[in-house]
PDB file of all heavy atoms in Angstrom:
ATOM      1  N   ARG A   1       0.841  -1.196  -0.004  1.00  0.00           N
ATOM      2  CA  ARG A   1       0.003   0.006   0.000  1.00  0.00           C
ATOM      3  C   ARG A   1       0.879   1.241   0.001  1.00  0.00           C
ATOM      4  O   ARG A   1       1.899   1.291   0.675  1.00  0.00           O
ATOM      5  CB  ARG A   1      -0.920  -0.012   1.227  1.00  0.00           C
ATOM      6  CG  ARG A   1      -1.796   1.204   1.377  1.00  0.00           C
ATOM      7  CD  ARG A   1      -2.813   1.001   2.489  1.00  0.00           C
ATOM      8  NE  ARG A   1      -2.168   0.777   3.795  1.00  0.00           N
ATOM      9  CZ  ARG A   1      -1.803   1.750   4.626  1.00  0.00           C
ATOM     10  NH1 ARG A   1      -2.003   3.032   4.299  1.00  0.00           N
ATOM     11  NH2 ARG A   1      -1.255   1.454   5.792  1.00  0.00           N
ATOM     12  N   VAL A   2       0.460   2.272  -0.754  1.00  0.00           N
ATOM     13  CA  VAL A   2       1.263   3.490  -0.903  1.00  0.00           C
ATOM     14  C   VAL A   2       0.477   4.697  -0.440  1.00  0.00           C
ATOM     15  O   VAL A   2      -0.674   4.891  -0.818  1.00  0.00           O
ATOM     16  CB  VAL A   2       1.704   3.697  -2.362  1.00  0.00           C
ATOM     17  CG1 VAL A   2       2.532   4.983  -2.498  1.00  0.00           C
ATOM     18  CG2 VAL A   2       2.499   2.498  -2.861  1.00  0.00           C
ATOM     19  N   GLU A   3       1.118   5.542   0.383  1.00  0.00           N
ATOM     20  CA  GLU A   3       0.561   6.844   0.740  1.00  0.00           C
ATOM     21  C   GLU A   3       1.469   7.914   0.168  1.00  0.00           C
ATOM     22  O   GLU A   3       2.693   7.808   0.242  1.00  0.00           O
ATOM     23  CB  GLU A   3       0.470   6.998   2.267  1.00  0.00           C
ATOM     24  CG  GLU A   3      -0.555   6.076   2.913  1.00  0.00           C
ATOM     25  CD  GLU A   3      -0.651   6.277   4.413  1.00  0.00           C
ATOM     26  OE1 GLU A   3       0.118   7.110   4.956  1.00  0.00           O
ATOM     27  OE2 GLU A   3      -1.485   5.599   5.062  1.00  0.00           O
ATOM     28  N   TYR A   4       0.866   8.967  -0.382  1.00  0.00           N
ATOM     29  CA  TYR A   4       1.628   9.992  -1.100  1.00  0.00           C
ATOM     30  C   TYR A   4       1.493  11.348  -0.415  1.00  0.00           C
ATOM     31  O   TYR A   4       0.431  11.722   0.066  1.00  0.00           O
ATOM     32  CB  TYR A   4       1.123  10.086  -2.538  1.00  0.00           C
ATOM     33  CG  TYR A   4       1.672  11.256  -3.313  1.00  0.00           C
ATOM     34  CD1 TYR A   4       3.009  11.322  -3.675  1.00  0.00           C
ATOM     35  CD2 TYR A   4       0.829  12.293  -3.711  1.00  0.00           C
ATOM     36  CE1 TYR A   4       3.510  12.390  -4.384  1.00  0.00           C
ATOM     37  CE2 TYR A   4       1.321  13.376  -4.428  1.00  0.00           C
ATOM     38  CZ  TYR A   4       2.673  13.419  -4.773  1.00  0.00           C
ATOM     39  OH  TYR A   4       3.159  14.492  -5.468  1.00  0.00           O
ATOM     40  N   LEU A   5       2.622  12.070  -0.365  1.00  0.00           N
ATOM     41  CA  LEU A   5       2.641  13.409   0.188  1.00  0.00           C
ATOM     42  C   LEU A   5       3.499  14.293  -0.695  1.00  0.00           C
ATOM     43  O   LEU A   5       4.583  13.873  -1.144  1.00  0.00           O
ATOM     44  CB  LEU A   5       3.236  13.383   1.603  1.00  0.00           C
ATOM     45  CG  LEU A   5       3.482  14.741   2.276  1.00  0.00           C
ATOM     46  CD1 LEU A   5       2.168  15.436   2.602  1.00  0.00           C
ATOM     47  CD2 LEU A   5       4.322  14.561   3.554  1.00  0.00           C
ATOM     48  N   ASN A   6       3.014  15.504  -0.977  1.00  0.00           N
ATOM     49  CA  ASN A   6       3.877  16.446  -1.696  1.00  0.00           C
ATOM     50  C   ASN A   6       3.869  17.779  -0.961  1.00  0.00           C
ATOM     51  O   ASN A   6       2.875  18.204  -0.381  1.00  0.00           O
ATOM     52  CB  ASN A   6       3.431  16.620  -3.149  1.00  0.00           C
ATOM     53  CG  ASN A   6       2.151  17.407  -3.275  1.00  0.00           C
ATOM     54  OD1 ASN A   6       1.131  17.063  -2.676  1.00  0.00           O
ATOM     55  ND2 ASN A   6       2.180  18.481  -4.024  1.00  0.00           N
ATOM     56  N   LEU A   7       5.046  18.431  -0.957  1.00  0.00           N
ATOM     57  CA  LEU A   7       5.254  19.705  -0.275  1.00  0.00           C
ATOM     58  C   LEU A   7       5.861  20.708  -1.278  1.00  0.00           C
ATOM     59  O   LEU A   7       6.340  20.325  -2.334  1.00  0.00           O
ATOM     60  CB  LEU A   7       6.198  19.530   0.907  1.00  0.00           C
ATOM     61  CG  LEU A   7       5.830  18.484   1.968  1.00  0.00           C
ATOM     62  CD1 LEU A   7       6.932  18.377   3.010  1.00  0.00           C
ATOM     63  CD2 LEU A   7       4.503  18.806   2.632  1.00  0.00           C
ATOM     64  N   ILE A   8       5.801  21.974  -0.901  1.00  0.00           N
ATOM     65  CA  ILE A   8       6.431  23.010  -1.695  1.00  0.00           C
ATOM     66  C   ILE A   8       7.931  22.999  -1.418  1.00  0.00           C
ATOM     67  O   ILE A   8       8.355  23.074  -0.262  1.00  0.00           O
ATOM     68  CB  ILE A   8       5.857  24.405  -1.365  1.00  0.00           C
ATOM     69  CG1 ILE A   8       4.323  24.386  -1.489  1.00  0.00           C
ATOM     70  CG2 ILE A   8       6.458  25.463  -2.281  1.00  0.00           C
ATOM     71  CD1 ILE A   8       3.798  24.051  -2.862  1.00  0.00           C
ATOM     72  N   LEU A   9       8.726  22.889  -2.457  1.00  0.00           N
ATOM     73  CA  LEU A   9      10.193  22.861  -2.331  1.00  0.00           C
ATOM     74  C   LEU A   9      10.756  24.272  -2.441  1.00  0.00           C
ATOM     75  O   LEU A   9      10.384  25.029  -3.345  1.00  0.00           O
ATOM     76  CB  LEU A   9      10.783  21.971  -3.421  1.00  0.00           C
ATOM     77  CG  LEU A   9      12.317  21.844  -3.457  1.00  0.00           C
ATOM     78  CD1 LEU A   9      12.820  21.121  -2.214  1.00  0.00           C
ATOM     79  CD2 LEU A   9      12.756  21.089  -4.721  1.00  0.00           C
ATOM     80  N   TYR A  10      11.638  24.608  -1.508  1.00  0.00           N
ATOM     81  CA  TYR A  10      12.272  25.937  -1.509  1.00  0.00           C
ATOM     82  C   TYR A  10      13.791  25.786  -1.658  1.00  0.00           C
ATOM     83  O   TYR A  10      14.417  24.934  -1.002  1.00  0.00           O
ATOM     84  CB  TYR A  10      11.977  26.669  -0.202  1.00  0.00           C
ATOM     85  CG  TYR A  10      10.626  27.357  -0.177  1.00  0.00           C
ATOM     86  CD1 TYR A  10       9.523  26.716   0.376  1.00  0.00           C
ATOM     87  CD2 TYR A  10      10.474  28.648  -0.685  1.00  0.00           C
ATOM     88  CE1 TYR A  10       8.289  27.348   0.423  1.00  0.00           C
ATOM     89  CE2 TYR A  10       9.232  29.275  -0.648  1.00  0.00           C
ATOM     90  CZ  TYR A  10       8.162  28.631  -0.094  1.00  0.00           C
ATOM     91  OH  TYR A  10       6.933  29.267  -0.066  1.00  0.00           O
ATOM     92  N   VAL A  11      14.374  26.650  -2.484  1.00  0.00           N
ATOM     93  CA  VAL A  11      15.824  26.687  -2.693  1.00  0.00           C
ATOM     94  C   VAL A  11      16.282  28.145  -2.692  1.00  0.00           C
ATOM     95  O   VAL A  11      15.474  29.069  -2.730  1.00  0.00           O
ATOM     96  CB  VAL A  11      16.221  26.022  -4.025  1.00  0.00           C
ATOM     97  CG1 VAL A  11      15.850  24.548  -4.035  1.00  0.00           C
ATOM     98  CG2 VAL A  11      15.553  26.741  -5.208  1.00  0.00           C
ATOM     99  N   THR A  12      17.587  28.329  -2.643  1.00  0.00           N
ATOM    100  CA  THR A  12      18.164  29.666  -2.790  1.00  0.00           C
ATOM    101  C   THR A  12      18.821  29.757  -4.159  1.00  0.00           C
ATOM    102  O   THR A  12      19.155  28.743  -4.770  1.00  0.00           O
ATOM    103  CB  THR A  12      19.195  29.958  -1.694  1.00  0.00           C
ATOM    104  OG1 THR A  12      20.188  28.939  -1.715  1.00  0.00           O
ATOM    105  CG2 THR A  12      18.520  29.974  -0.314  1.00  0.00           C
ATOM    106  N   GLU A  13      19.038  30.966  -4.616  1.00  0.00           N
ATOM    107  CA  GLU A  13      19.592  31.178  -5.947  1.00  0.00           C
ATOM    108  C   GLU A  13      20.984  30.574  -6.096  1.00  0.00           C
ATOM    109  O   GLU A  13      21.384  30.142  -7.184  1.00  0.00           O
ATOM    110  CB  GLU A  13      19.662  32.672  -6.275  1.00  0.00           C
ATOM    111  CG  GLU A  13      18.293  33.305  -6.461  1.00  0.00           C
ATOM    112  CD  GLU A  13      18.385  34.783  -6.844  1.00  0.00           C
ATOM    113  OE1 GLU A  13      19.527  35.256  -7.008  1.00  0.00           O
ATOM    114  OE2 GLU A  13      17.330  35.424  -6.972  1.00  0.00           O
ATOM    115  N   ASP A  14      21.727  30.517  -5.025  1.00  0.00           N
ATOM    116  CA  ASP A  14      23.115  30.051  -5.127  1.00  0.00           C
ATOM    117  C   ASP A  14      23.277  28.533  -5.077  1.00  0.00           C
ATOM    118  O   ASP A  14      24.395  28.033  -5.153  1.00  0.00           O
ATOM    119  CB  ASP A  14      23.992  30.694  -4.057  1.00  0.00           C
ATOM    120  CG  ASP A  14      23.452  30.441  -2.652  1.00  0.00           C
ATOM    121  OD1 ASP A  14      22.378  29.836  -2.512  1.00  0.00           O
ATOM    122  OD2 ASP A  14      24.126  30.842  -1.688  1.00  0.00           O
ATOM    123  N   ILE A  15      22.173  27.798  -4.998  1.00  0.00           N
ATOM    124  CA  ILE A  15      22.290  26.335  -4.947  1.00  0.00           C
ATOM    125  C   ILE A  15      22.957  25.798  -6.214  1.00  0.00           C
ATOM    126  O   ILE A  15      23.662  24.797  -6.195  1.00  0.00           O
ATOM    127  CB  ILE A  15      20.904  25.655  -4.727  1.00  0.00           C
ATOM    128  CG1 ILE A  15      21.074  24.149  -4.498  1.00  0.00           C
ATOM    129  CG2 ILE A  15      19.993  25.901  -5.921  1.00  0.00           C
ATOM    130  CD1 ILE A  15      21.726  23.802  -3.210  1.00  0.00           C
ATOM    131  N   MET A  16      22.757  26.487  -7.344  1.00  0.00           N
ATOM    132  CA  MET A  16      23.358  26.057  -8.594  1.00  0.00           C
ATOM    133  C   MET A  16      24.853  26.350  -8.646  1.00  0.00           C
ATOM    134  O   MET A  16      25.573  25.845  -9.503  1.00  0.00           O
ATOM    135  CB  MET A  16      22.667  26.752  -9.771  1.00  0.00           C
ATOM    136  CG  MET A  16      21.179  26.488  -9.854  1.00  0.00           C
ATOM    137  SD  MET A  16      20.776  24.770 -10.245  1.00  0.00           S
ATOM    138  CE  MET A  16      21.304  24.709 -11.955  1.00  0.00           C
ATOM    139  N   LYS A  17      25.352  27.201  -7.738  1.00  0.00           N
ATOM    140  CA  LYS A  17      26.731  27.653  -7.805  1.00  0.00           C
ATOM    141  C   LYS A  17      27.644  26.917  -6.837  1.00  0.00           C
ATOM    142  O   LYS A  17      28.816  27.254  -6.706  1.00  0.00           O
ATOM    143  CB  LYS A  17      26.790  29.143  -7.506  1.00  0.00           C
ATOM    144  CG  LYS A  17      25.929  29.985  -8.447  1.00  0.00           C
ATOM    145  CD  LYS A  17      25.935  31.436  -8.031  1.00  0.00           C
ATOM    146  CE  LYS A  17      25.002  32.267  -8.909  1.00  0.00           C
ATOM    147  NZ  LYS A  17      24.938  33.681  -8.456  1.00  0.00           N
ATOM    148  N   LEU A  18      27.104  25.907  -6.142  1.00  0.00           N
ATOM    149  CA  LEU A  18      27.938  25.185  -5.191  1.00  0.00           C
ATOM    150  C   LEU A  18      29.119  24.508  -5.887  1.00  0.00           C
ATOM    151  O   LEU A  18      29.000  23.974  -6.979  1.00  0.00           O
ATOM    152  CB  LEU A  18      27.102  24.116  -4.466  1.00  0.00           C
ATOM    153  CG  LEU A  18      26.165  24.653  -3.396  1.00  0.00           C
ATOM    154  CD1 LEU A  18      25.242  23.545  -2.938  1.00  0.00           C
ATOM    155  CD2 LEU A  18      26.958  25.189  -2.223  1.00  0.00           C
ATOM    156  N   ASN A  19      30.244  24.526  -5.238  1.00  0.00           N
ATOM    157  CA  ASN A  19      31.457  23.936  -5.765  1.00  0.00           C
ATOM    158  C   ASN A  19      31.495  22.450  -5.408  1.00  0.00           C
ATOM    159  O   ASN A  19      31.683  22.086  -4.253  1.00  0.00           O
ATOM    160  CB  ASN A  19      32.666  24.635  -5.162  1.00  0.00           C
ATOM    161  CG  ASN A  19      33.983  24.024  -5.633  1.00  0.00           C
ATOM    162  OD1 ASN A  19      33.979  23.137  -6.483  1.00  0.00           O
ATOM    163  ND2 ASN A  19      35.076  24.490  -5.077  1.00  0.00           N
ATOM    164  N   ALA A  20      31.312  21.608  -6.400  1.00  0.00           N
ATOM    165  CA  ALA A  20      31.228  20.171  -6.137  1.00  0.00           C
ATOM    166  C   ALA A  20      32.547  19.556  -5.686  1.00  0.00           C
ATOM    167  O   ALA A  20      32.587  18.427  -5.239  1.00  0.00           O
ATOM    168  CB  ALA A  20      30.747  19.444  -7.400  1.00  0.00           C
ATOM    169  N   THR A  21      33.646  20.302  -5.796  1.00  0.00           N
ATOM    170  CA  THR A  21      34.940  19.769  -5.368  1.00  0.00           C
ATOM    171  C   THR A  21      35.354  20.320  -4.025  1.00  0.00           C
ATOM    172  O   THR A  21      36.531  20.332  -3.675  1.00  0.00           O
ATOM    173  CB  THR A  21      36.030  20.116  -6.393  1.00  0.00           C
ATOM    174  OG1 THR A  21      36.131  21.547  -6.510  1.00  0.00           O
ATOM    175  CG2 THR A  21      35.707  19.517  -7.747  1.00  0.00           C
ATOM    176  N   ASN A  22      34.359  20.813  -3.227  1.00  0.00           N
ATOM    177  CA  ASN A  22      34.712  21.425  -1.929  1.00  0.00           C
ATOM    178  C   ASN A  22      35.453  20.436  -1.054  1.00  0.00           C
ATOM    179  O   ASN A  22      35.317  19.227  -1.179  1.00  0.00           O
ATOM    180  CB  ASN A  22      33.458  21.938  -1.218  1.00  0.00           C
ATOM    181  CG  ASN A  22      32.640  20.822  -0.647  1.00  0.00           C
ATOM    182  OD1 ASN A  22      32.905  20.351   0.453  1.00  0.00           O
ATOM    183  ND2 ASN A  22      31.628  20.400  -1.366  1.00  0.00           N
ATOM    184  N   GLU A  23      36.267  20.955  -0.143  1.00  0.00           N
ATOM    185  CA  GLU A  23      37.111  20.122   0.692  1.00  0.00           C
ATOM    186  C   GLU A  23      36.692  20.139   2.147  1.00  0.00           C
ATOM    187  O   GLU A  23      37.513  19.932   3.038  1.00  0.00           O
ATOM    188  CB  GLU A  23      38.576  20.574   0.544  1.00  0.00           C
ATOM    189  CG  GLU A  23      39.093  20.408  -0.877  1.00  0.00           C
ATOM    190  CD  GLU A  23      40.514  20.845  -1.024  1.00  0.00           C
ATOM    191  OE1 GLU A  23      41.066  21.365  -0.043  1.00  0.00           O
ATOM    192  OE2 GLU A  23      41.073  20.676  -2.123  1.00  0.00           O
ATOM    193  N   SER A  24      35.431  20.414   2.416  1.00  0.00           N
ATOM    194  CA  SER A  24      34.943  20.355   3.783  1.00  0.00           C
ATOM    195  C   SER A  24      35.179  18.941   4.327  1.00  0.00           C
ATOM    196  O   SER A  24      34.985  17.978   3.616  1.00  0.00           O
ATOM    197  CB  SER A  24      33.461  20.680   3.832  1.00  0.00           C
ATOM    198  OG  SER A  24      33.221  21.996   3.420  1.00  0.00           O
ATOM    199  N   LYS A  25      35.585  18.863   5.561  1.00  0.00           N
ATOM    200  CA  LYS A  25      35.886  17.568   6.151  1.00  0.00           C
ATOM    201  C   LYS A  25      34.776  17.154   7.106  1.00  0.00           C
ATOM    202  O   LYS A  25      34.137  17.984   7.736  1.00  0.00           O
ATOM    203  CB  LYS A  25      37.226  17.617   6.902  1.00  0.00           C
ATOM    204  CG  LYS A  25      38.402  17.897   5.967  1.00  0.00           C
ATOM    205  CD  LYS A  25      39.702  17.933   6.732  1.00  0.00           C
ATOM    206  CE  LYS A  25      40.873  18.198   5.810  1.00  0.00           C
ATOM    207  NZ  LYS A  25      42.154  18.260   6.528  1.00  0.00           N
ATOM    208  N   PRO A  26      34.512  15.835   7.207  1.00  0.00           N
ATOM    209  CA  PRO A  26      33.452  15.384   8.107  1.00  0.00           C
ATOM    210  C   PRO A  26      33.682  15.868   9.528  1.00  0.00           C
ATOM    211  O   PRO A  26      34.785  15.766  10.059  1.00  0.00           O
ATOM    212  CB  PRO A  26      33.544  13.841   8.006  1.00  0.00           C
ATOM    213  CG  PRO A  26      34.851  13.561   7.364  1.00  0.00           C
ATOM    214  CD  PRO A  26      35.198  14.749   6.537  1.00  0.00           C
ATOM    215  N   GLY A  27      32.628  16.417  10.100  1.00  0.00           N
ATOM    216  CA  GLY A  27      32.721  16.863  11.477  1.00  0.00           C
ATOM    217  C   GLY A  27      33.308  18.240  11.654  1.00  0.00           C
ATOM    218  O   GLY A  27      33.333  18.764  12.761  1.00  0.00           O
ATOM    219  N   ARG A  28      33.797  18.856  10.549  1.00  0.00           N
ATOM    220  CA  ARG A  28      34.441  20.143  10.687  1.00  0.00           C
ATOM    221  C   ARG A  28      33.522  21.205  11.243  1.00  0.00           C
ATOM    222  O   ARG A  28      33.947  22.120  11.934  1.00  0.00           O
ATOM    223  CB  ARG A  28      34.985  20.595   9.327  1.00  0.00           C
ATOM    224  CG  ARG A  28      35.768  21.908   9.439  1.00  0.00           C
ATOM    225  CD  ARG A  28      36.109  22.502   8.086  1.00  0.00           C
ATOM    226  NE  ARG A  28      36.867  23.724   8.239  1.00  0.00           N
ATOM    227  CZ  ARG A  28      36.362  24.893   8.579  1.00  0.00           C
ATOM    228  NH1 ARG A  28      35.072  25.001   8.806  1.00  0.00           N
ATOM    229  NH2 ARG A  28      37.111  25.970   8.709  1.00  0.00           N
ATOM    230  N   TRP A  29      32.221  21.089  10.966  1.00  0.00           N
ATOM    231  CA  TRP A  29      31.283  22.109  11.428  1.00  0.00           C
ATOM    232  C   TRP A  29      31.300  22.248  12.942  1.00  0.00           C
ATOM    233  O   TRP A  29      30.978  23.282  13.486  1.00  0.00           O
ATOM    234  CB  TRP A  29      29.878  21.781  10.943  1.00  0.00           C
ATOM    235  CG  TRP A  29      29.281  20.568  11.557  1.00  0.00           C
ATOM    236  CD1 TRP A  29      29.406  19.285  11.130  1.00  0.00           C
ATOM    237  CD2 TRP A  29      28.480  20.504  12.732  1.00  0.00           C
ATOM    238  NE1 TRP A  29      28.736  18.429  11.943  1.00  0.00           N
ATOM    239  CE2 TRP A  29      28.146  19.150  12.934  1.00  0.00           C
ATOM    240  CE3 TRP A  29      27.987  21.455  13.621  1.00  0.00           C
ATOM    241  CZ2 TRP A  29      27.366  18.723  14.003  1.00  0.00           C
ATOM    242  CZ3 TRP A  29      27.203  21.032  14.690  1.00  0.00           C
ATOM    243  CH2 TRP A  29      26.900  19.686  14.856  1.00  0.00           C
ATOM    244  N   ARG A  30      31.720  21.197  13.637  1.00  0.00           N
ATOM    245  CA  ARG A  30      31.745  21.262  15.101  1.00  0.00           C
ATOM    246  C   ARG A  30      32.820  22.225  15.604  1.00  0.00           C
ATOM    247  O   ARG A  30      32.659  22.838  16.660  1.00  0.00           O
ATOM    248  CB  ARG A  30      32.002  19.864  15.671  1.00  0.00           C
ATOM    249  CG  ARG A  30      30.863  18.908  15.424  1.00  0.00           C
ATOM    250  CD  ARG A  30      31.089  17.596  16.150  1.00  0.00           C
ATOM    251  NE  ARG A  30      29.916  16.763  16.045  1.00  0.00           N
ATOM    252  CZ  ARG A  30      28.847  16.866  16.819  1.00  0.00           C
ATOM    253  NH1 ARG A  30      28.805  17.816  17.727  1.00  0.00           N
ATOM    254  NH2 ARG A  30      27.823  16.063  16.667  1.00  0.00           N
ATOM    255  N   GLU A  31      33.917  22.321  14.845  1.00  0.00           N
ATOM    256  CA  GLU A  31      35.005  23.188  15.293  1.00  0.00           C
ATOM    257  C   GLU A  31      34.990  24.553  14.613  1.00  0.00           C
ATOM    258  O   GLU A  31      35.750  25.444  14.954  1.00  0.00           O
ATOM    259  CB  GLU A  31      36.352  22.529  15.008  1.00  0.00           C
ATOM    260  CG  GLU A  31      36.604  21.256  15.807  1.00  0.00           C
ATOM    261  CD  GLU A  31      35.887  20.052  15.261  1.00  0.00           C
ATOM    262  OE1 GLU A  31      35.791  19.938  14.040  1.00  0.00           O
ATOM    263  OE2 GLU A  31      35.420  19.223  16.062  1.00  0.00           O
ATOM    264  N   ALA A  32      34.125  24.711  13.599  1.00  0.00           N
ATOM    265  CA  ALA A  32      34.146  25.939  12.804  1.00  0.00           C
ATOM    266  C   ALA A  32      33.596  27.115  13.606  1.00  0.00           C
ATOM    267  O   ALA A  32      32.975  26.949  14.661  1.00  0.00           O
ATOM    268  CB  ALA A  32      33.307  25.751  11.538  1.00  0.00           C
ATOM    269  N   ASP A  33      33.860  28.322  13.080  1.00  0.00           N
ATOM    270  CA  ASP A  33      33.310  29.513  13.715  1.00  0.00           C
ATOM    271  C   ASP A  33      31.807  29.540  13.485  1.00  0.00           C
ATOM    272  O   ASP A  33      31.342  29.505  12.343  1.00  0.00           O
ATOM    273  CB  ASP A  33      33.952  30.762  13.116  1.00  0.00           C
ATOM    274  CG  ASP A  33      35.423  30.879  13.504  1.00  0.00           C
ATOM    275  OD1 ASP A  33      35.781  30.362  14.577  1.00  0.00           O
ATOM    276  OD2 ASP A  33      36.191  31.463  12.720  1.00  0.00           O
ATOM    277  N   HIS A  34      31.068  29.622  14.548  1.00  0.00           N
ATOM    278  CA  HIS A  34      29.612  29.648  14.463  1.00  0.00           C
ATOM    279  C   HIS A  34      29.102  31.040  14.820  1.00  0.00           C
ATOM    280  O   HIS A  34      29.723  31.738  15.605  1.00  0.00           O
ATOM    281  CB  HIS A  34      28.994  28.626  15.418  1.00  0.00           C
ATOM    282  CG  HIS A  34      29.350  27.227  15.053  1.00  0.00           C
ATOM    283  ND1 HIS A  34      28.610  26.486  14.183  1.00  0.00           N
ATOM    284  CD2 HIS A  34      30.388  26.440  15.431  1.00  0.00           C
ATOM    285  CE1 HIS A  34      29.169  25.288  14.046  1.00  0.00           C
ATOM    286  NE2 HIS A  34      30.237  25.257  14.792  1.00  0.00           N
ATOM    287  N   PRO A  35      27.981  31.436  14.258  1.00  0.00           N
ATOM    288  CA  PRO A  35      27.422  32.752  14.588  1.00  0.00           C
ATOM    289  C   PRO A  35      26.796  32.738  15.966  1.00  0.00           C
ATOM    290  O   PRO A  35      25.591  32.797  16.137  1.00  0.00           O
ATOM    291  CB  PRO A  35      26.361  32.944  13.481  1.00  0.00           C
ATOM    292  CG  PRO A  35      25.948  31.568  13.107  1.00  0.00           C
ATOM    293  CD  PRO A  35      27.176  30.709  13.263  1.00  0.00           C
ATOM    294  N   ASP A  36      27.643  32.625  16.999  1.00  0.00           N
ATOM    295  CA  ASP A  36      27.128  32.530  18.362  1.00  0.00           C
ATOM    296  C   ASP A  36      26.856  33.875  18.999  1.00  0.00           C
ATOM    297  O   ASP A  36      26.352  33.958  20.114  1.00  0.00           O
ATOM    298  CB  ASP A  36      28.147  31.784  19.251  1.00  0.00           C
ATOM    299  CG  ASP A  36      28.259  30.325  18.867  1.00  0.00           C
ATOM    300  OD1 ASP A  36      27.286  29.812  18.292  1.00  0.00           O
ATOM    301  OD2 ASP A  36      29.291  29.715  19.156  1.00  0.00           O
ATOM    302  N   ASN A  37      27.247  34.942  18.341  1.00  0.00           N
ATOM    303  CA  ASN A  37      27.050  36.260  18.903  1.00  0.00           C
ATOM    304  C   ASN A  37      25.589  36.650  18.929  1.00  0.00           C
ATOM    305  O   ASN A  37      24.759  36.071  18.238  1.00  0.00           O
ATOM    306  CB  ASN A  37      27.842  37.295  18.107  1.00  0.00           C
ATOM    307  CG  ASN A  37      29.328  37.030  18.173  1.00  0.00           C
ATOM    308  OD1 ASN A  37      29.813  36.561  19.193  1.00  0.00           O
ATOM    309  ND2 ASN A  37      30.032  37.317  17.104  1.00  0.00           N
ATOM    310  N   ALA A  38      25.279  37.675  19.705  1.00  0.00           N
ATOM    311  CA  ALA A  38      23.902  38.135  19.775  1.00  0.00           C
ATOM    312  C   ALA A  38      23.437  38.581  18.405  1.00  0.00           C
ATOM    313  O   ALA A  38      24.185  39.169  17.630  1.00  0.00           O
ATOM    314  CB  ALA A  38      23.798  39.295  20.746  1.00  0.00           C
ATOM    315  N   PRO A  39      22.182  38.282  17.995  1.00  0.00           N
ATOM    316  CA  PRO A  39      21.659  38.648  16.687  1.00  0.00           C
ATOM    317  C   PRO A  39      21.539  40.155  16.540  1.00  0.00           C
ATOM    318  O   PRO A  39      21.590  40.898  17.507  1.00  0.00           O
ATOM    319  CB  PRO A  39      20.295  37.970  16.657  1.00  0.00           C
ATOM    320  CG  PRO A  39      19.896  37.854  18.074  1.00  0.00           C
ATOM    321  CD  PRO A  39      21.167  37.617  18.836  1.00  0.00           C
ATOM    322  N   ASN A  40      21.354  40.560  15.286  1.00  0.00           N
ATOM    323  CA  ASN A  40      21.126  41.980  15.027  1.00  0.00           C
ATOM    324  C   ASN A  40      19.711  42.325  15.435  1.00  0.00           C
ATOM    325  O   ASN A  40      18.804  42.420  14.642  1.00  0.00           O
ATOM    326  CB  ASN A  40      21.351  42.265  13.543  1.00  0.00           C
ATOM    327  CG  ASN A  40      22.774  42.009  13.130  1.00  0.00           C
ATOM    328  OD1 ASN A  40      23.690  42.270  13.896  1.00  0.00           O
ATOM    329  ND2 ASN A  40      22.979  41.487  11.930  1.00  0.00           N
ATOM    330  N   SER A  41      19.519  42.487  16.694  1.00  0.00           N
ATOM    331  CA  SER A  41      18.180  42.699  17.245  1.00  0.00           C
ATOM    332  C   SER A  41      18.287  43.625  18.441  1.00  0.00           C
ATOM    333  O   SER A  41      19.326  43.719  19.087  1.00  0.00           O
ATOM    334  CB  SER A  41      17.571  41.364  17.657  1.00  0.00           C
ATOM    335  OG  SER A  41      16.440  41.567  18.465  1.00  0.00           O
ATOM    336  N   GLU A  42      17.201  44.291  18.736  1.00  0.00           N
ATOM    337  CA  GLU A  42      17.175  45.133  19.897  1.00  0.00           C
ATOM    338  C   GLU A  42      17.231  44.309  21.175  1.00  0.00           C
ATOM    339  O   GLU A  42      17.640  44.786  22.235  1.00  0.00           O
ATOM    340  CB  GLU A  42      15.909  46.014  19.906  1.00  0.00           C
ATOM    341  CG  GLU A  42      15.748  46.863  18.656  1.00  0.00           C
ATOM    342  CD  GLU A  42      15.181  46.087  17.473  1.00  0.00           C
ATOM    343  OE1 GLU A  42      14.598  44.994  17.712  1.00  0.00           O
ATOM    344  OE2 GLU A  42      15.343  46.531  16.327  1.00  0.00           O
ATOM    345  N   ASP A  43      16.787  43.065  21.092  1.00  0.00           N
ATOM    346  CA  ASP A  43      16.699  42.225  22.288  1.00  0.00           C
ATOM    347  C   ASP A  43      17.962  41.400  22.420  1.00  0.00           C
ATOM    348  O   ASP A  43      18.140  40.375  21.778  1.00  0.00           O
ATOM    349  CB  ASP A  43      15.475  41.303  22.182  1.00  0.00           C
ATOM    350  CG  ASP A  43      15.180  40.600  23.504  1.00  0.00           C
ATOM    351  OD1 ASP A  43      16.094  40.544  24.347  1.00  0.00           O
ATOM    352  OD2 ASP A  43      14.046  40.121  23.662  1.00  0.00           O
ATOM    353  N   LEU A  44      18.896  41.826  23.263  1.00  0.00           N
ATOM    354  CA  LEU A  44      20.175  41.142  23.400  1.00  0.00           C
ATOM    355  C   LEU A  44      20.087  39.911  24.305  1.00  0.00           C
ATOM    356  O   LEU A  44      21.102  39.316  24.632  1.00  0.00           O
ATOM    357  CB  LEU A  44      21.204  42.134  23.949  1.00  0.00           C
ATOM    358  CG  LEU A  44      21.488  43.327  23.035  1.00  0.00           C
ATOM    359  CD1 LEU A  44      22.552  44.227  23.659  1.00  0.00           C
ATOM    360  CD2 LEU A  44      21.916  42.891  21.656  1.00  0.00           C
TER     361      LEU A  44
END
């Protein structure tokens, strides 16, 4: 038995420009600089 679901797909303009030969390493995101600072908002 099959149940079907469809959703609206969203992308950004630069998805076509990704560099397929990127050298990101597994797990690197854990050590990378993250935007941990307070957001650009009045509420700090």
